[in-house]
Amino acid sequence: MEILIFLVPLASVVVAIAVWAFIWALRRGQFDDLDSPAWRIVFDDQERQHKPDVDTDNDEGDSK
C-alpha cells in the first residue's frame, strides 16, 4: 500500500504532461486537416498518369 504514495502522484504528472502535449499540438494546428494528406497520395498518382509525356521529337535542335 505504501507504493500508492509514489504511484498516484507519478500518474498525475504523466496525465498532466499528456494533456499539455495534446493542447500544445492542438494550438499548433496538428489536427486542422486530417483528410487531405491521405488523399494527396491518391490524387498525385492520378495526375501523373494524365500528364502528357515529354516530346522526344524536338525539331528545334535543342539538346539536353
C-alpha atoms as a PDB file:
ATOM      1  CA  MET A   1       0.000   0.000   0.000  1.00  0.00           C
ATOM      2  CA  GLU A   2       2.921   2.327   0.519  1.00  0.00           C
ATOM      3  CA  ILE A   3       3.618   2.205  -3.211  1.00  0.00           C
ATOM      4  CA  LEU A   4       0.407   4.173  -3.823  1.00  0.00           C
ATOM      5  CA  ILE A   5       2.050   7.190  -2.224  1.00  0.00           C
ATOM      6  CA  PHE A   6       4.537   7.110  -5.104  1.00  0.00           C
ATOM      7  CA  LEU A   7       2.318   5.881  -7.963  1.00  0.00           C
ATOM      8  CA  VAL A   8      -0.644   8.265  -7.608  1.00  0.00           C
ATOM      9  CA  PRO A   9       1.434  11.463  -7.899  1.00  0.00           C
ATOM     10  CA  LEU A  10       3.508   9.900 -10.680  1.00  0.00           C
ATOM     11  CA  ALA A  11       0.361   9.004 -12.627  1.00  0.00           C
ATOM     12  CA  SER A  12      -0.959  12.524 -12.093  1.00  0.00           C
ATOM     13  CA  VAL A  13       2.237  14.009 -13.506  1.00  0.00           C
ATOM     14  CA  VAL A  14       2.114  11.707 -16.545  1.00  0.00           C
ATOM     15  CA  VAL A  15      -1.528  12.649 -17.233  1.00  0.00           C
ATOM     16  CA  ALA A  16      -0.704  16.338 -16.860  1.00  0.00           C
ATOM     17  CA  ILE A  17       2.145  16.004 -19.385  1.00  0.00           C
ATOM     18  CA  ALA A  18      -0.134  14.162 -21.823  1.00  0.00           C
ATOM     19  CA  VAL A  19      -2.840  16.840 -21.545  1.00  0.00           C
ATOM     20  CA  TRP A  20      -0.248  19.585 -22.034  1.00  0.00           C
ATOM     21  CA  ALA A  21       1.152  17.833 -25.126  1.00  0.00           C
ATOM     22  CA  PHE A  22      -2.350  17.454 -26.585  1.00  0.00           C
ATOM     23  CA  ILE A  23      -3.191  21.131 -26.032  1.00  0.00           C
ATOM     24  CA  TRP A  24       0.179  22.178 -27.469  1.00  0.00           C
ATOM     25  CA  ALA A  25      -0.416  20.093 -30.619  1.00  0.00           C
ATOM     26  CA  LEU A  26      -3.965  21.428 -30.906  1.00  0.00           C
ATOM     27  CA  ARG A  27      -2.774  25.045 -30.785  1.00  0.00           C
ATOM     28  CA  ARG A  28      -0.046  24.352 -33.360  1.00  0.00           C
ATOM     29  CA  GLY A  29      -2.631  23.098 -35.872  1.00  0.00           C
ATOM     30  CA  GLN A  30      -1.722  19.431 -35.916  1.00  0.00           C
ATOM     31  CA  PHE A  31      -5.374  18.382 -36.123  1.00  0.00           C
ATOM     32  CA  ASP A  32      -6.667  21.022 -38.564  1.00  0.00           C
ATOM     33  CA  ASP A  33      -6.804  18.870 -41.686  1.00  0.00           C
ATOM     34  CA  LEU A  34      -6.683  15.122 -41.216  1.00  0.00           C
ATOM     35  CA  ASP A  35      -8.110  14.040 -44.594  1.00  0.00           C
ATOM     36  CA  SER A  36      -6.039  15.895 -47.199  1.00  0.00           C
ATOM     37  CA  PRO A  37      -2.648  14.236 -46.559  1.00  0.00           C
ATOM     38  CA  ALA A  38      -4.138  10.784 -47.069  1.00  0.00           C
ATOM     39  CA  TRP A  39      -5.972  11.767 -50.274  1.00  0.00           C
ATOM     40  CA  ARG A  40      -2.992  13.706 -51.633  1.00  0.00           C
ATOM     41  CA  ILE A  41      -1.185  10.418 -52.263  1.00  0.00           C
ATOM     42  CA  VAL A  42      -4.063   9.113 -54.383  1.00  0.00           C
ATOM     43  CA  PHE A  43      -4.508  12.334 -56.361  1.00  0.00           C
ATOM     44  CA  ASP A  44      -0.789  12.701 -57.090  1.00  0.00           C
ATOM     45  CA  ASP A  45      -0.736   9.297 -58.789  1.00  0.00           C
ATOM     46  CA  GLN A  46      -3.756  10.135 -60.913  1.00  0.00           C
ATOM     47  CA  GLU A  47      -2.308  13.495 -62.001  1.00  0.00           C
ATOM     48  CA  ARG A  48       0.945  11.891 -63.105  1.00  0.00           C
ATOM     49  CA  GLN A  49      -0.919   9.360 -65.255  1.00  0.00           C
ATOM     50  CA  HIS A  50      -2.843  12.068 -67.126  1.00  0.00           C
ATOM     51  CA  LYS A  51       0.111  14.345 -67.901  1.00  0.00           C
ATOM     52  CA  PRO A  52       1.449  14.010 -71.442  1.00  0.00           C
ATOM     53  CA  ASP A  53       4.926  12.635 -71.905  1.00  0.00           C
ATOM     54  CA  VAL A  54       7.775  14.899 -72.916  1.00  0.00           C
ATOM     55  CA  ASP A  55       8.029  15.301 -76.680  1.00  0.00           C
ATOM     56  CA  THR A  56      11.081  13.344 -77.811  1.00  0.00           C
ATOM     57  CA  ASP A  57      10.879  14.619 -81.425  1.00  0.00           C
ATOM     58  CA  ASN A  58      12.414  18.020 -80.891  1.00  0.00           C
ATOM     59  CA  ASP A  59      12.600  19.833 -84.228  1.00  0.00           C
ATOM     60  CA  GLU A  60      14.362  22.913 -82.840  1.00  0.00           C
ATOM     61  CA  GLY A  61      17.645  21.103 -82.310  1.00  0.00           C
ATOM     62  CA  ASP A  62      17.870  21.715 -78.599  1.00  0.00           C
ATOM     63  CA  SER A  63      19.958  19.151 -76.806  1.00  0.00           C
ATOM     64  CA  LYS A  64      19.799  18.338 -73.143  1.00  0.00           C
END
